[in-house]
Amino acid sequence: MEHVFVKFSNAAASLAGRPWTFIVCLGLVLIWAVSGPLFDFSETWQLVINTGTTIITFLMVFLIQNTQNRDGAAIHAKLDELIHAVETADERFIGLERLTDKDLRSILEQVEARAIRLQGAGLPVIRTREEDRQLEAVET
């Protein structure tokens, strides 16, 4: 069941993001708007567009969220692998997405403080861990 939903949500998200889908939807809205006088702008005429757009929006929320969840998980896995593979990378950053907002803010503050310290020392912000250790040894 999950595999079928993944395939369906991928296909639906891909279709929804295409220019022709937008053009078709725009065409349908224009046809609906032009048909207003034929139906005397009745409540039924209004209900057609309201119901259709509500149903489509409701379903698309779940499809888009599913796609974003999978994309986010894939990106995290790829970044974690890169951090693990690069010898000079700080492996403490692996799995940060599972921390609380408070913990993430704390880490962000530390990273920003480090960047400010490095910029203040006239050094490039991008450095290896070994370069950081050398700088910290000089500072202490």
C-alpha atoms as a PDB file:
ATOM      1  CA  MET A   1       0.000   0.000   0.000  1.00  0.00           C
ATOM      2  CA  GLU A   2       2.774   2.443   0.958  1.00  0.00           C
ATOM      3  CA  HIS A   3       4.685   1.732  -2.259  1.00  0.00           C
ATOM      4  CA  VAL A   4       1.564   2.439  -4.327  1.00  0.00           C
ATOM      5  CA  PHE A   5       0.970   5.712  -2.461  1.00  0.00           C
ATOM      6  CA  VAL A   6       4.591   6.795  -2.969  1.00  0.00           C
ATOM      7  CA  LYS A   7       4.362   6.130  -6.708  1.00  0.00           C
ATOM      8  CA  PHE A   8       1.003   7.904  -6.912  1.00  0.00           C
ATOM      9  CA  SER A   9       2.151  10.921  -4.878  1.00  0.00           C
ATOM     10  CA  ASN A  10       5.328  11.237  -6.963  1.00  0.00           C
ATOM     11  CA  ALA A  11       3.330  11.142 -10.181  1.00  0.00           C
ATOM     12  CA  ALA A  12       0.698  13.569  -8.872  1.00  0.00           C
ATOM     13  CA  ALA A  13       3.307  16.015  -7.553  1.00  0.00           C
ATOM     14  CA  SER A  14       5.197  15.836 -10.841  1.00  0.00           C
ATOM     15  CA  LEU A  15       2.023  16.439 -12.828  1.00  0.00           C
ATOM     16  CA  ALA A  16       0.890  19.272 -10.547  1.00  0.00           C
ATOM     17  CA  GLY A  17       4.189  21.085 -11.012  1.00  0.00           C
ATOM     18  CA  ARG A  18       4.113  21.189 -14.790  1.00  0.00           C
ATOM     19  CA  PRO A  19       3.272  24.341 -16.760  1.00  0.00           C
ATOM     20  CA  TRP A  20       0.557  22.561 -18.750  1.00  0.00           C
ATOM     21  CA  THR A  21      -1.265  21.650 -15.549  1.00  0.00           C
ATOM     22  CA  PHE A  22      -1.405  25.325 -14.631  1.00  0.00           C
ATOM     23  CA  ILE A  23      -2.606  26.239 -18.115  1.00  0.00           C
ATOM     24  CA  VAL A  24      -5.353  23.595 -18.016  1.00  0.00           C
ATOM     25  CA  CYS A  25      -6.500  24.754 -14.573  1.00  0.00           C
ATOM     26  CA  LEU A  26      -6.461  28.375 -15.684  1.00  0.00           C
ATOM     27  CA  GLY A  27      -8.508  27.383 -18.737  1.00  0.00           C
ATOM     28  CA  LEU A  28     -11.067  25.598 -16.564  1.00  0.00           C
ATOM     29  CA  VAL A  29     -11.410  28.644 -14.309  1.00  0.00           C
ATOM     30  CA  LEU A  30     -11.848  30.901 -17.341  1.00  0.00           C
ATOM     31  CA  ILE A  31     -14.507  28.582 -18.795  1.00  0.00           C
ATOM     32  CA  TRP A  32     -16.259  28.595 -15.423  1.00  0.00           C
ATOM     33  CA  ALA A  33     -16.098  32.398 -15.224  1.00  0.00           C
ATOM     34  CA  VAL A  34     -17.371  32.890 -18.783  1.00  0.00           C
ATOM     35  CA  SER A  35     -20.218  30.437 -18.156  1.00  0.00           C
ATOM     36  CA  GLY A  36     -21.463  32.555 -15.244  1.00  0.00           C
ATOM     37  CA  PRO A  37     -24.006  34.540 -17.278  1.00  0.00           C
ATOM     38  CA  LEU A  38     -25.377  31.307 -18.790  1.00  0.00           C
ATOM     39  CA  PHE A  39     -26.196  30.080 -15.295  1.00  0.00           C
ATOM     40  CA  ASP A  40     -27.243  33.513 -13.999  1.00  0.00           C
ATOM     41  CA  PHE A  41     -24.329  33.378 -11.559  1.00  0.00           C
ATOM     42  CA  SER A  42     -26.415  30.977  -9.488  1.00  0.00           C
ATOM     43  CA  GLU A  43     -25.412  29.399  -6.206  1.00  0.00           C
ATOM     44  CA  THR A  44     -24.953  26.077  -7.994  1.00  0.00           C
ATOM     45  CA  TRP A  45     -22.589  27.752 -10.458  1.00  0.00           C
ATOM     46  CA  GLN A  46     -20.549  29.142  -7.539  1.00  0.00           C
ATOM     47  CA  LEU A  47     -20.705  25.841  -5.685  1.00  0.00           C
ATOM     48  CA  VAL A  48     -19.074  24.032  -8.620  1.00  0.00           C
ATOM     49  CA  ILE A  49     -15.842  26.052  -8.418  1.00  0.00           C
ATOM     50  CA  ASN A  50     -15.853  26.224  -4.620  1.00  0.00           C
ATOM     51  CA  THR A  51     -16.278  22.479  -4.199  1.00  0.00           C
ATOM     52  CA  GLY A  52     -13.799  21.588  -6.925  1.00  0.00           C
ATOM     53  CA  THR A  53     -11.046  23.859  -5.659  1.00  0.00           C
ATOM     54  CA  THR A  54     -11.623  22.837  -2.041  1.00  0.00           C
ATOM     55  CA  ILE A  55     -11.321  19.131  -2.814  1.00  0.00           C
ATOM     56  CA  ILE A  56      -8.235  19.599  -4.988  1.00  0.00           C
ATOM     57  CA  THR A  57      -6.560  21.833  -2.389  1.00  0.00           C
ATOM     58  CA  PHE A  58      -7.357  19.416   0.436  1.00  0.00           C
ATOM     59  CA  LEU A  59      -5.881  16.434  -1.420  1.00  0.00           C
ATOM     60  CA  MET A  60      -2.849  18.343  -2.697  1.00  0.00           C
ATOM     61  CA  VAL A  61      -1.866  19.325   0.854  1.00  0.00           C
ATOM     62  CA  PHE A  62      -1.275  15.664   1.701  1.00  0.00           C
ATOM     63  CA  LEU A  63       0.477  14.853  -1.561  1.00  0.00           C
ATOM     64  CA  ILE A  64       2.803  17.829  -1.270  1.00  0.00           C
ATOM     65  CA  GLN A  65       3.542  17.104   2.392  1.00  0.00           C
ATOM     66  CA  ASN A  66       4.352  13.488   1.574  1.00  0.00           C
ATOM     67  CA  THR A  67       6.699  14.560  -1.198  1.00  0.00           C
ATOM     68  CA  GLN A  68       8.408  17.134   1.030  1.00  0.00           C
ATOM     69  CA  ASN A  69       8.811  14.613   3.864  1.00  0.00           C
ATOM     70  CA  ARG A  70      10.512  12.113   1.561  1.00  0.00           C
ATOM     71  CA  ASP A  71      12.669  14.779  -0.087  1.00  0.00           C
ATOM     72  CA  GLY A  72      13.726  16.093   3.318  1.00  0.00           C
ATOM     73  CA  ALA A  73      14.618  12.617   4.566  1.00  0.00           C
ATOM     74  CA  ALA A  74      16.624  11.907   1.412  1.00  0.00           C
ATOM     75  CA  ILE A  75      18.501  15.202   1.699  1.00  0.00           C
ATOM     76  CA  HIS A  76      19.299  14.528   5.371  1.00  0.00           C
ATOM     77  CA  ALA A  77      20.583  11.057   4.529  1.00  0.00           C
ATOM     78  CA  LYS A  78      22.772  12.441   1.747  1.00  0.00           C
ATOM     79  CA  LEU A  79      24.130  15.248   3.930  1.00  0.00           C
ATOM     80  CA  ASP A  80      24.806  12.829   6.784  1.00  0.00           C
ATOM     81  CA  GLU A  81      26.713  10.586   4.386  1.00  0.00           C
ATOM     82  CA  LEU A  82      28.759  13.532   3.132  1.00  0.00           C
ATOM     83  CA  ILE A  83      29.558  14.642   6.687  1.00  0.00           C
ATOM     84  CA  HIS A  84      30.582  11.093   7.535  1.00  0.00           C
ATOM     85  CA  ALA A  85      32.699  10.737   4.383  1.00  0.00           C
ATOM     86  CA  VAL A  86      34.590  14.023   4.706  1.00  0.00           C
ATOM     87  CA  GLU A  87      37.371  13.522   7.216  1.00  0.00           C
ATOM     88  CA  THR A  88      37.509  17.174   8.244  1.00  0.00           C
ATOM     89  CA  ALA A  89      33.739  17.502   8.750  1.00  0.00           C
ATOM     90  CA  ASP A  90      32.282  17.693  12.240  1.00  0.00           C
ATOM     91  CA  GLU A  91      30.282  14.484  12.700  1.00  0.00           C
ATOM     92  CA  ARG A  92      28.339  16.035  15.578  1.00  0.00           C
ATOM     93  CA  PHE A  93      26.184  17.638  12.886  1.00  0.00           C
ATOM     94  CA  ILE A  94      24.838  14.256  11.770  1.00  0.00           C
ATOM     95  CA  GLY A  95      21.213  13.871  12.846  1.00  0.00           C
ATOM     96  CA  LEU A  96      20.657  17.487  13.929  1.00  0.00           C
ATOM     97  CA  GLU A  97      17.151  17.353  12.467  1.00  0.00           C
ATOM     98  CA  ARG A  98      16.072  15.166  15.385  1.00  0.00           C
ATOM     99  CA  LEU A  99      16.988  17.762  18.026  1.00  0.00           C
ATOM    100  CA  THR A 100      14.539  20.098  19.709  1.00  0.00           C
ATOM    101  CA  ASP A 101      14.153  23.668  18.492  1.00  0.00           C
ATOM    102  CA  LYS A 102      15.917  24.877  21.645  1.00  0.00           C
ATOM    103  CA  ASP A 103      18.910  22.600  20.996  1.00  0.00           C
ATOM    104  CA  LEU A 104      19.050  23.664  17.345  1.00  0.00           C
ATOM    105  CA  ARG A 105      19.013  27.355  18.342  1.00  0.00           C
ATOM    106  CA  SER A 106      21.870  26.695  20.760  1.00  0.00           C
ATOM    107  CA  ILE A 107      23.947  25.012  18.054  1.00  0.00           C
ATOM    108  CA  LEU A 108      23.153  27.795  15.591  1.00  0.00           C
ATOM    109  CA  GLU A 109      24.308  30.381  18.145  1.00  0.00           C
ATOM    110  CA  GLN A 110      27.569  28.466  18.597  1.00  0.00           C
ATOM    111  CA  VAL A 111      28.130  28.258  14.841  1.00  0.00           C
ATOM    112  CA  GLU A 112      27.359  31.961  14.409  1.00  0.00           C
ATOM    113  CA  ALA A 113      29.697  32.869  17.289  1.00  0.00           C
ATOM    114  CA  ARG A 114      32.418  30.798  15.646  1.00  0.00           C
ATOM    115  CA  ALA A 115      31.860  32.572  12.329  1.00  0.00           C
ATOM    116  CA  ILE A 116      32.044  35.982  14.024  1.00  0.00           C
ATOM    117  CA  ARG A 117      35.214  34.947  15.862  1.00  0.00           C
ATOM    118  CA  LEU A 118      36.812  33.765  12.642  1.00  0.00           C
ATOM    119  CA  GLN A 119      35.823  36.889  10.748  1.00  0.00           C
ATOM    120  CA  GLY A 120      37.115  39.070  13.597  1.00  0.00           C
ATOM    121  CA  ALA A 121      40.460  37.304  13.427  1.00  0.00           C
ATOM    122  CA  GLY A 122      40.646  38.120   9.732  1.00  0.00           C
ATOM    123  CA  LEU A 123      40.494  34.444   8.865  1.00  0.00           C
ATOM    124  CA  PRO A 124      38.227  32.791   6.347  1.00  0.00           C
ATOM    125  CA  VAL A 125      35.030  31.384   7.817  1.00  0.00           C
ATOM    126  CA  ILE A 126      35.466  28.108   5.960  1.00  0.00           C
ATOM    127  CA  ARG A 127      38.250  26.161   7.620  1.00  0.00           C
ATOM    128  CA  THR A 128      39.045  22.630   8.611  1.00  0.00           C
ATOM    129  CA  ARG A 129      38.720  21.281  12.136  1.00  0.00           C
ATOM    130  CA  GLU A 130      42.493  21.127  12.330  1.00  0.00           C
ATOM    131  CA  GLU A 131      42.719  24.826  11.479  1.00  0.00           C
ATOM    132  CA  ASP A 132      40.153  25.533  14.208  1.00  0.00           C
ATOM    133  CA  ARG A 133      42.187  23.554  16.730  1.00  0.00           C
ATOM    134  CA  GLN A 134      45.334  25.443  15.793  1.00  0.00           C
ATOM    135  CA  LEU A 135      43.582  28.800  16.169  1.00  0.00           C
ATOM    136  CA  GLU A 136      42.057  27.809  19.506  1.00  0.00           C
ATOM    137  CA  ALA A 137      45.482  26.632  20.742  1.00  0.00           C
ATOM    138  CA  VAL A 138      46.973  30.009  19.824  1.00  0.00           C
ATOM    139  CA  GLU A 139      44.099  31.893  21.508  1.00  0.00           C
ATOM    140  CA  THR A 140      44.470  29.990  24.803  1.00  0.00           C
END
